[in-house]
Amino acid sequence: MLIKFFTNGKGAGAGPVGYLVAERVLAYDGNRDLIRDAEGQPMTVTRDPLPEVLRGNPERTEALIDASRHQWTYRAGVISFAAEDAPSEAQQAEVMDAFEQLAFGGLDGEQYDMLWVRHSHEDRVELHFCTPRLELTTGRSLNIAPPGYQDAFDSLRDLMNQRHGWADPMELERAQEVRDTIEAPTRAQGRDELHAWILDQISMGLIEDRASMLDALADAGFDLPRVGKAYLTAQDPETGER
């Protein structure tokens, strides 16, 4: 089991919430490359099984994100299990409870909003979460993953994996499998493919403005060595290609 926070966190709630509950998503092949039809248009597939809302209300979460006046409006991520982990319903509830206790320590339930949606269409359990960056009684910004957060959530990951005998993502032989675990697009190769990928993200509502485009590029693994008012340079850190 692993815990991953996504770097995106700005903009309207339709993007992150819509992704969690969408029945149809962009189609990728075994190499995580986008599948296109004969005319070059991206193809979609129906998630099977469909996403399951386990806790929270998608409409409420989206509305709270939209109501935020802060620059960063939400936090989202996923707790992903290896196929062989096969966590039971009770174990999944235990993990969600432990995550919330760590993320919202000291807060009562009415002070925050949390949406949990289960994805199992890739033959493994993924518990996706999305929370508005709001303390609901005051409207102040609430960041559940401040600087240095990784150590705390890594400790939770290790505790749960040891308790239940789940796969350890830190084992060297599992490194490649871990990189491929999260449902996300691979980096496009070349300017034209990158441009097409950005358009696809726009069509999904994941890119809505300049800020969310920068977030999406960073989340996909690109470095951004030059960012001007009317241009930007995206660099693949593995190949050095700009």
C-alpha atoms as a PDB file:
ATOM      1  CA  MET A   1       0.000   0.000   0.000  1.00  0.00           C
ATOM      2  CA  LEU A   2       1.200   3.500  -0.729  1.00  0.00           C
ATOM      3  CA  ILE A   3      -0.040   7.024  -0.048  1.00  0.00           C
ATOM      4  CA  LYS A   4       0.382   9.681  -2.718  1.00  0.00           C
ATOM      5  CA  PHE A   5      -0.632  13.333  -2.720  1.00  0.00           C
ATOM      6  CA  PHE A   6      -1.161  14.971  -6.116  1.00  0.00           C
ATOM      7  CA  THR A   7       0.578  18.290  -6.734  1.00  0.00           C
ATOM      8  CA  ASN A   8      -2.493  19.902  -8.312  1.00  0.00           C
ATOM      9  CA  GLY A   9      -4.542  21.933  -5.882  1.00  0.00           C
ATOM     10  CA  LYS A  10      -5.801  25.099  -7.552  1.00  0.00           C
ATOM     11  CA  GLY A  11      -8.972  25.959  -9.436  1.00  0.00           C
ATOM     12  CA  ALA A  12     -12.591  24.859  -9.408  1.00  0.00           C
ATOM     13  CA  GLY A  13     -13.871  21.696  -7.797  1.00  0.00           C
ATOM     14  CA  ALA A  14     -15.229  20.224 -11.031  1.00  0.00           C
ATOM     15  CA  GLY A  15     -11.757  19.038 -12.062  1.00  0.00           C
ATOM     16  CA  PRO A  16     -10.704  16.893  -9.091  1.00  0.00           C
ATOM     17  CA  VAL A  17     -14.200  15.806  -8.039  1.00  0.00           C
ATOM     18  CA  GLY A  18     -15.256  15.106 -11.607  1.00  0.00           C
ATOM     19  CA  TYR A  19     -12.217  12.885 -12.119  1.00  0.00           C
ATOM     20  CA  LEU A  20     -13.005  10.870  -9.012  1.00  0.00           C
ATOM     21  CA  VAL A  21     -16.609  10.072  -9.935  1.00  0.00           C
ATOM     22  CA  ALA A  22     -16.418  10.039 -13.757  1.00  0.00           C
ATOM     23  CA  GLU A  23     -17.795   6.893 -15.362  1.00  0.00           C
ATOM     24  CA  ARG A  24     -15.811   7.429 -18.575  1.00  0.00           C
ATOM     25  CA  VAL A  25     -12.131   8.365 -18.726  1.00  0.00           C
ATOM     26  CA  LEU A  26      -9.407   8.665 -21.333  1.00  0.00           C
ATOM     27  CA  ALA A  27      -8.124   5.316 -22.612  1.00  0.00           C
ATOM     28  CA  TYR A  28      -4.466   4.302 -22.254  1.00  0.00           C
ATOM     29  CA  ASP A  29      -2.603   1.283 -23.598  1.00  0.00           C
ATOM     30  CA  GLY A  30      -0.298  -1.045 -21.670  1.00  0.00           C
ATOM     31  CA  ASN A  31       2.524   1.494 -21.900  1.00  0.00           C
ATOM     32  CA  ARG A  32       0.261   4.220 -20.438  1.00  0.00           C
ATOM     33  CA  ASP A  33       0.154   6.009 -23.794  1.00  0.00           C
ATOM     34  CA  LEU A  34      -3.083   7.716 -24.805  1.00  0.00           C
ATOM     35  CA  ILE A  35      -5.145   5.704 -27.317  1.00  0.00           C
ATOM     36  CA  ARG A  36      -6.461   7.712 -30.260  1.00  0.00           C
ATOM     37  CA  ASP A  37      -8.913   6.899 -33.050  1.00  0.00           C
ATOM     38  CA  ALA A  38      -8.195   7.030 -36.801  1.00  0.00           C
ATOM     39  CA  GLU A  39      -8.732  10.790 -36.788  1.00  0.00           C
ATOM     40  CA  GLY A  40      -6.319  11.348 -33.926  1.00  0.00           C
ATOM     41  CA  GLN A  41      -8.967  12.078 -31.316  1.00  0.00           C
ATOM     42  CA  PRO A  42      -8.486  10.648 -27.812  1.00  0.00           C
ATOM     43  CA  MET A  43     -10.654   7.640 -27.043  1.00  0.00           C
ATOM     44  CA  THR A  44     -12.496   6.994 -23.792  1.00  0.00           C
ATOM     45  CA  VAL A  45     -13.467   3.881 -21.878  1.00  0.00           C
ATOM     46  CA  THR A  46     -16.030   3.178 -19.177  1.00  0.00           C
ATOM     47  CA  ARG A  47     -14.587   2.356 -15.788  1.00  0.00           C
ATOM     48  CA  ASP A  48     -15.639  -1.159 -14.830  1.00  0.00           C
ATOM     49  CA  PRO A  49     -16.486  -1.415 -11.982  1.00  0.00           C
ATOM     50  CA  LEU A  50     -17.714   2.161 -11.711  1.00  0.00           C
ATOM     51  CA  PRO A  51     -16.309   4.479  -9.007  1.00  0.00           C
ATOM     52  CA  GLU A  52     -17.928   4.061  -5.574  1.00  0.00           C
ATOM     53  CA  VAL A  53     -18.419   6.988  -3.210  1.00  0.00           C
ATOM     54  CA  LEU A  54     -17.515   5.596   0.220  1.00  0.00           C
ATOM     55  CA  ARG A  55     -17.676   8.748   2.337  1.00  0.00           C
ATOM     56  CA  GLY A  56     -18.683  12.332   1.762  1.00  0.00           C
ATOM     57  CA  ASN A  57     -20.790  14.010  -0.886  1.00  0.00           C
ATOM     58  CA  PRO A  58     -19.238  14.955  -4.261  1.00  0.00           C
ATOM     59  CA  GLU A  59     -21.586  17.914  -4.784  1.00  0.00           C
ATOM     60  CA  ARG A  60     -20.809  19.309  -1.335  1.00  0.00           C
ATOM     61  CA  THR A  61     -17.053  18.901  -1.800  1.00  0.00           C
ATOM     62  CA  GLU A  62     -17.164  20.584  -5.203  1.00  0.00           C
ATOM     63  CA  ALA A  63     -19.245  23.472  -3.833  1.00  0.00           C
ATOM     64  CA  LEU A  64     -16.875  24.014  -0.908  1.00  0.00           C
ATOM     65  CA  ILE A  65     -13.850  24.069  -3.207  1.00  0.00           C
ATOM     66  CA  ASP A  66     -15.598  26.615  -5.432  1.00  0.00           C
ATOM     67  CA  ALA A  67     -16.437  28.739  -2.394  1.00  0.00           C
ATOM     68  CA  SER A  68     -12.799  29.019  -1.321  1.00  0.00           C
ATOM     69  CA  ARG A  69     -11.158  32.418  -1.681  1.00  0.00           C
ATOM     70  CA  HIS A  70      -7.684  31.009  -1.168  1.00  0.00           C
ATOM     71  CA  GLN A  71      -5.115  30.523  -3.932  1.00  0.00           C
ATOM     72  CA  TRP A  72      -4.898  26.803  -3.174  1.00  0.00           C
ATOM     73  CA  THR A  73      -8.408  25.396  -3.045  1.00  0.00           C
ATOM     74  CA  TYR A  74      -8.102  21.649  -2.432  1.00  0.00           C
ATOM     75  CA  ARG A  75      -5.874  18.689  -1.615  1.00  0.00           C
ATOM     76  CA  ALA A  76      -6.257  15.382  -3.437  1.00  0.00           C
ATOM     77  CA  GLY A  77      -4.454  12.093  -3.622  1.00  0.00           C
ATOM     78  CA  VAL A  78      -4.814   8.338  -3.427  1.00  0.00           C
ATOM     79  CA  ILE A  79      -4.136   5.395  -1.162  1.00  0.00           C
ATOM     80  CA  SER A  80      -3.324   2.612  -3.591  1.00  0.00           C
ATOM     81  CA  PHE A  81      -3.051  -1.099  -2.831  1.00  0.00           C
ATOM     82  CA  ALA A  82      -1.193  -3.756  -4.785  1.00  0.00           C
ATOM     83  CA  ALA A  83      -3.467  -6.325  -6.396  1.00  0.00           C
ATOM     84  CA  GLU A  84      -2.309  -9.010  -3.959  1.00  0.00           C
ATOM     85  CA  ASP A  85      -3.118  -6.822  -0.924  1.00  0.00           C
ATOM     86  CA  ALA A  86      -6.866  -7.330  -1.472  1.00  0.00           C
ATOM     87  CA  PRO A  87      -7.900  -5.273   1.597  1.00  0.00           C
ATOM     88  CA  SER A  88     -11.272  -6.114   3.116  1.00  0.00           C
ATOM     89  CA  GLU A  89     -14.000  -3.528   3.616  1.00  0.00           C
ATOM     90  CA  ALA A  90     -13.092  -3.329   7.303  1.00  0.00           C
ATOM     91  CA  GLN A  91      -9.399  -2.843   6.502  1.00  0.00           C
ATOM     92  CA  GLN A  92     -10.185  -0.097   3.999  1.00  0.00           C
ATOM     93  CA  ALA A  93     -12.290   1.655   6.639  1.00  0.00           C
ATOM     94  CA  GLU A  94      -9.412   1.304   9.108  1.00  0.00           C
ATOM     95  CA  VAL A  95      -7.004   2.942   6.671  1.00  0.00           C
ATOM     96  CA  MET A  96      -9.391   5.822   5.925  1.00  0.00           C
ATOM     97  CA  ASP A  97      -9.984   6.378   9.652  1.00  0.00           C
ATOM     98  CA  ALA A  98      -6.247   6.391  10.394  1.00  0.00           C
ATOM     99  CA  PHE A  99      -5.563   8.759   7.499  1.00  0.00           C
ATOM    100  CA  GLU A 100      -8.196  11.239   8.679  1.00  0.00           C
ATOM    101  CA  GLN A 101      -6.963  11.069  12.268  1.00  0.00           C
ATOM    102  CA  LEU A 102      -3.486  11.995  11.066  1.00  0.00           C
ATOM    103  CA  ALA A 103      -4.568  14.583   8.497  1.00  0.00           C
ATOM    104  CA  PHE A 104      -7.156  16.340  10.683  1.00  0.00           C
ATOM    105  CA  GLY A 105      -5.708  15.739  14.139  1.00  0.00           C
ATOM    106  CA  GLY A 106      -7.431  17.877  16.778  1.00  0.00           C
ATOM    107  CA  LEU A 107     -10.352  18.855  14.536  1.00  0.00           C
ATOM    108  CA  ASP A 108     -13.987  17.844  14.892  1.00  0.00           C
ATOM    109  CA  GLY A 109     -15.959  16.431  11.987  1.00  0.00           C
ATOM    110  CA  GLU A 110     -17.826  19.669  11.347  1.00  0.00           C
ATOM    111  CA  GLN A 111     -14.551  21.528  10.809  1.00  0.00           C
ATOM    112  CA  TYR A 112     -13.558  19.766   7.586  1.00  0.00           C
ATOM    113  CA  ASP A 113     -14.952  18.011   4.541  1.00  0.00           C
ATOM    114  CA  MET A 114     -13.526  14.805   3.090  1.00  0.00           C
ATOM    115  CA  LEU A 115     -14.584  12.864  -0.002  1.00  0.00           C
ATOM    116  CA  TRP A 116     -13.490   9.246  -0.451  1.00  0.00           C
ATOM    117  CA  VAL A 117     -14.096   7.421  -3.751  1.00  0.00           C
ATOM    118  CA  ARG A 118     -12.991   3.859  -4.464  1.00  0.00           C
ATOM    119  CA  HIS A 119     -11.619   2.919  -7.885  1.00  0.00           C
ATOM    120  CA  SER A 120     -11.195  -0.791  -8.661  1.00  0.00           C
ATOM    121  CA  HIS A 121     -11.363  -0.839 -12.465  1.00  0.00           C
ATOM    122  CA  GLU A 122      -7.614  -1.533 -12.776  1.00  0.00           C
ATOM    123  CA  ASP A 123      -7.851  -4.782 -10.799  1.00  0.00           C
ATOM    124  CA  ARG A 124      -6.667  -3.251  -7.539  1.00  0.00           C
ATOM    125  CA  VAL A 125      -8.185  -1.061  -4.849  1.00  0.00           C
ATOM    126  CA  GLU A 126      -7.497   2.672  -4.959  1.00  0.00           C
ATOM    127  CA  LEU A 127      -8.993   4.914  -2.280  1.00  0.00           C
ATOM    128  CA  HIS A 128      -9.023   8.398  -3.793  1.00  0.00           C
ATOM    129  CA  PHE A 129      -9.521  11.372  -1.501  1.00  0.00           C
ATOM    130  CA  CYS A 130     -10.263  15.047  -2.043  1.00  0.00           C
ATOM    131  CA  THR A 131     -10.654  17.705   0.642  1.00  0.00           C
ATOM    132  CA  PRO A 132     -11.252  21.460   0.352  1.00  0.00           C
ATOM    133  CA  ARG A 133      -8.399  23.456   1.859  1.00  0.00           C
ATOM    134  CA  LEU A 134     -10.835  25.073   4.262  1.00  0.00           C
ATOM    135  CA  GLU A 135     -11.451  24.969   7.989  1.00  0.00           C
ATOM    136  CA  LEU A 136     -15.214  25.114   7.689  1.00  0.00           C
ATOM    137  CA  THR A 137     -16.102  27.018  10.846  1.00  0.00           C
ATOM    138  CA  THR A 138     -13.751  29.934  10.133  1.00  0.00           C
ATOM    139  CA  GLY A 139     -13.073  29.793   6.384  1.00  0.00           C
ATOM    140  CA  ARG A 140      -9.342  29.784   7.039  1.00  0.00           C
ATOM    141  CA  SER A 141      -6.953  27.793   4.862  1.00  0.00           C
ATOM    142  CA  LEU A 142      -6.444  24.188   6.025  1.00  0.00           C
ATOM    143  CA  ASN A 143      -3.556  22.287   4.461  1.00  0.00           C
ATOM    144  CA  ILE A 144      -3.429  18.634   5.505  1.00  0.00           C
ATOM    145  CA  ALA A 145      -0.031  18.188   3.841  1.00  0.00           C
ATOM    146  CA  PRO A 146       2.202  21.097   4.923  1.00  0.00           C
ATOM    147  CA  PRO A 147       5.990  21.081   4.344  1.00  0.00           C
ATOM    148  CA  GLY A 148       7.477  17.939   5.837  1.00  0.00           C
ATOM    149  CA  TYR A 149       4.192  16.020   5.624  1.00  0.00           C
ATOM    150  CA  GLN A 150       5.711  13.070   3.794  1.00  0.00           C
ATOM    151  CA  ASP A 151       7.479  11.631   6.847  1.00  0.00           C
ATOM    152  CA  ALA A 152       4.237  11.399   8.834  1.00  0.00           C
ATOM    153  CA  PHE A 153       2.263   9.773   6.037  1.00  0.00           C
ATOM    154  CA  ASP A 154       5.158   7.435   5.199  1.00  0.00           C
ATOM    155  CA  SER A 155       5.068   6.287   8.825  1.00  0.00           C
ATOM    156  CA  LEU A 156       1.342   5.590   8.518  1.00  0.00           C
ATOM    157  CA  ARG A 157       1.982   3.666   5.294  1.00  0.00           C
ATOM    158  CA  ASP A 158       4.677   1.543   6.932  1.00  0.00           C
ATOM    159  CA  LEU A 159       2.529   0.858  10.003  1.00  0.00           C
ATOM    160  CA  MET A 160      -0.418  -0.351   7.937  1.00  0.00           C
ATOM    161  CA  ASN A 161       1.746  -2.450   5.620  1.00  0.00           C
ATOM    162  CA  GLN A 162       3.455  -4.170   8.544  1.00  0.00           C
ATOM    163  CA  ARG A 163       0.203  -4.714  10.435  1.00  0.00           C
ATOM    164  CA  HIS A 164      -1.576  -6.364   7.510  1.00  0.00           C
ATOM    165  CA  GLY A 165       1.340  -7.815   5.545  1.00  0.00           C
ATOM    166  CA  TRP A 166       0.647  -5.625   2.527  1.00  0.00           C
ATOM    167  CA  ALA A 167       3.150  -4.967  -0.245  1.00  0.00           C
ATOM    168  CA  ASP A 168       5.927  -2.533   0.693  1.00  0.00           C
ATOM    169  CA  PRO A 169       6.398   0.034  -2.115  1.00  0.00           C
ATOM    170  CA  MET A 170       9.922   0.777  -0.855  1.00  0.00           C
ATOM    171  CA  GLU A 171      11.234  -2.673  -1.776  1.00  0.00           C
ATOM    172  CA  LEU A 172      13.653  -2.265  -4.684  1.00  0.00           C
ATOM    173  CA  GLU A 173      12.101  -5.046  -6.747  1.00  0.00           C
ATOM    174  CA  ARG A 174       8.758  -3.237  -6.579  1.00  0.00           C
ATOM    175  CA  ALA A 175      10.091   0.186  -7.648  1.00  0.00           C
ATOM    176  CA  GLN A 176       8.870  -0.026 -11.254  1.00  0.00           C
ATOM    177  CA  GLU A 177       5.515  -1.441 -10.185  1.00  0.00           C
ATOM    178  CA  VAL A 178       5.030   1.458  -7.778  1.00  0.00           C
ATOM    179  CA  ARG A 179       5.709   3.998 -10.521  1.00  0.00           C
ATOM    180  CA  ASP A 180       3.018   2.380 -12.659  1.00  0.00           C
ATOM    181  CA  THR A 181       0.453   2.009  -9.874  1.00  0.00           C
ATOM    182  CA  ILE A 182      -1.332   5.350  -9.997  1.00  0.00           C
ATOM    183  CA  GLU A 183      -3.726   5.981 -12.849  1.00  0.00           C
ATOM    184  CA  ALA A 184      -2.101   8.979 -14.551  1.00  0.00           C
ATOM    185  CA  PRO A 185      -0.805   9.930 -17.988  1.00  0.00           C
ATOM    186  CA  THR A 186       2.831   9.340 -18.842  1.00  0.00           C
ATOM    187  CA  ARG A 187       4.953  12.221 -20.034  1.00  0.00           C
ATOM    188  CA  ALA A 188       4.418  13.072 -23.688  1.00  0.00           C
ATOM    189  CA  GLN A 189       7.461  12.953 -25.941  1.00  0.00           C
ATOM    190  CA  GLY A 190       7.967  16.038 -28.099  1.00  0.00           C
ATOM    191  CA  ARG A 191       6.214  19.379 -28.355  1.00  0.00           C
ATOM    192  CA  ASP A 192       3.331  18.212 -30.549  1.00  0.00           C
ATOM    193  CA  GLU A 193       2.480  15.282 -28.264  1.00  0.00           C
ATOM    194  CA  LEU A 194       2.799  17.487 -25.211  1.00  0.00           C
ATOM    195  CA  HIS A 195       0.462  20.025 -26.798  1.00  0.00           C
ATOM    196  CA  ALA A 196      -2.068  17.269 -27.537  1.00  0.00           C
ATOM    197  CA  TRP A 197      -1.781  15.998 -23.961  1.00  0.00           C
ATOM    198  CA  ILE A 198      -2.476  19.473 -22.573  1.00  0.00           C
ATOM    199  CA  LEU A 199      -5.580  19.736 -24.790  1.00  0.00           C
ATOM    200  CA  ASP A 200      -6.746  16.369 -23.473  1.00  0.00           C
ATOM    201  CA  GLN A 201      -6.346  17.587 -19.889  1.00  0.00           C
ATOM    202  CA  ILE A 202      -8.357  20.695 -20.754  1.00  0.00           C
ATOM    203  CA  SER A 203     -11.131  18.560 -22.213  1.00  0.00           C
ATOM    204  CA  MET A 204     -11.273  16.598 -18.934  1.00  0.00           C
ATOM    205  CA  GLY A 205     -11.483  19.775 -16.870  1.00  0.00           C
ATOM    206  CA  LEU A 206      -8.114  19.107 -15.204  1.00  0.00           C
ATOM    207  CA  ILE A 207      -6.535  22.220 -16.758  1.00  0.00           C
ATOM    208  CA  GLU A 208      -8.592  25.391 -16.546  1.00  0.00           C
ATOM    209  CA  ASP A 209      -6.031  28.201 -16.565  1.00  0.00           C
ATOM    210  CA  ARG A 210      -2.318  28.943 -16.591  1.00  0.00           C
ATOM    211  CA  ALA A 211      -1.805  27.984 -12.947  1.00  0.00           C
ATOM    212  CA  SER A 212      -3.490  24.592 -13.302  1.00  0.00           C
ATOM    213  CA  MET A 213      -1.490  23.926 -16.488  1.00  0.00           C
ATOM    214  CA  LEU A 214       1.758  24.481 -14.585  1.00  0.00           C
ATOM    215  CA  ASP A 215       0.511  22.197 -11.812  1.00  0.00           C
ATOM    216  CA  ALA A 216      -0.447  19.482 -14.325  1.00  0.00           C
ATOM    217  CA  LEU A 217       2.962  19.610 -16.018  1.00  0.00           C
ATOM    218  CA  ALA A 218       4.741  19.348 -12.682  1.00  0.00           C
ATOM    219  CA  ASP A 219       2.471  16.470 -11.628  1.00  0.00           C
ATOM    220  CA  ALA A 220       3.328  14.647 -14.874  1.00  0.00           C
ATOM    221  CA  GLY A 221       7.015  14.872 -13.983  1.00  0.00           C
ATOM    222  CA  PHE A 222       8.236  17.788 -16.096  1.00  0.00           C
ATOM    223  CA  ASP A 223      10.731  20.357 -14.877  1.00  0.00           C
ATOM    224  CA  LEU A 224       9.879  23.978 -15.753  1.00  0.00           C
ATOM    225  CA  PRO A 225      13.235  25.773 -16.118  1.00  0.00           C
ATOM    226  CA  ARG A 226      11.771  28.873 -17.787  1.00  0.00           C
ATOM    227  CA  VAL A 227       8.340  30.340 -17.108  1.00  0.00           C
ATOM    228  CA  GLY A 228       7.611  33.706 -18.711  1.00  0.00           C
ATOM    229  CA  LYS A 229       4.435  35.708 -19.060  1.00  0.00           C
ATOM    230  CA  ALA A 230       3.767  34.489 -22.610  1.00  0.00           C
ATOM    231  CA  TYR A 231       5.717  31.209 -22.768  1.00  0.00           C
ATOM    232  CA  LEU A 232       7.144  28.365 -20.743  1.00  0.00           C
ATOM    233  CA  THR A 233       9.774  25.676 -21.222  1.00  0.00           C
ATOM    234  CA  ALA A 234       8.982  22.131 -20.104  1.00  0.00           C
ATOM    235  CA  GLN A 235      11.922  19.770 -19.708  1.00  0.00           C
ATOM    236  CA  ASP A 236      11.898  15.993 -19.393  1.00  0.00           C
ATOM    237  CA  PRO A 237      14.252  15.355 -16.434  1.00  0.00           C
ATOM    238  CA  GLU A 238      15.162  11.885 -17.688  1.00  0.00           C
ATOM    239  CA  THR A 239      16.168  12.833 -21.253  1.00  0.00           C
ATOM    240  CA  GLY A 240      16.923  16.532 -20.804  1.00  0.00           C
ATOM    241  CA  GLU A 241      14.716  17.268 -23.823  1.00  0.00           C
ATOM    242  CA  ARG A 242      13.076  20.698 -23.732  1.00  0.00           C
END
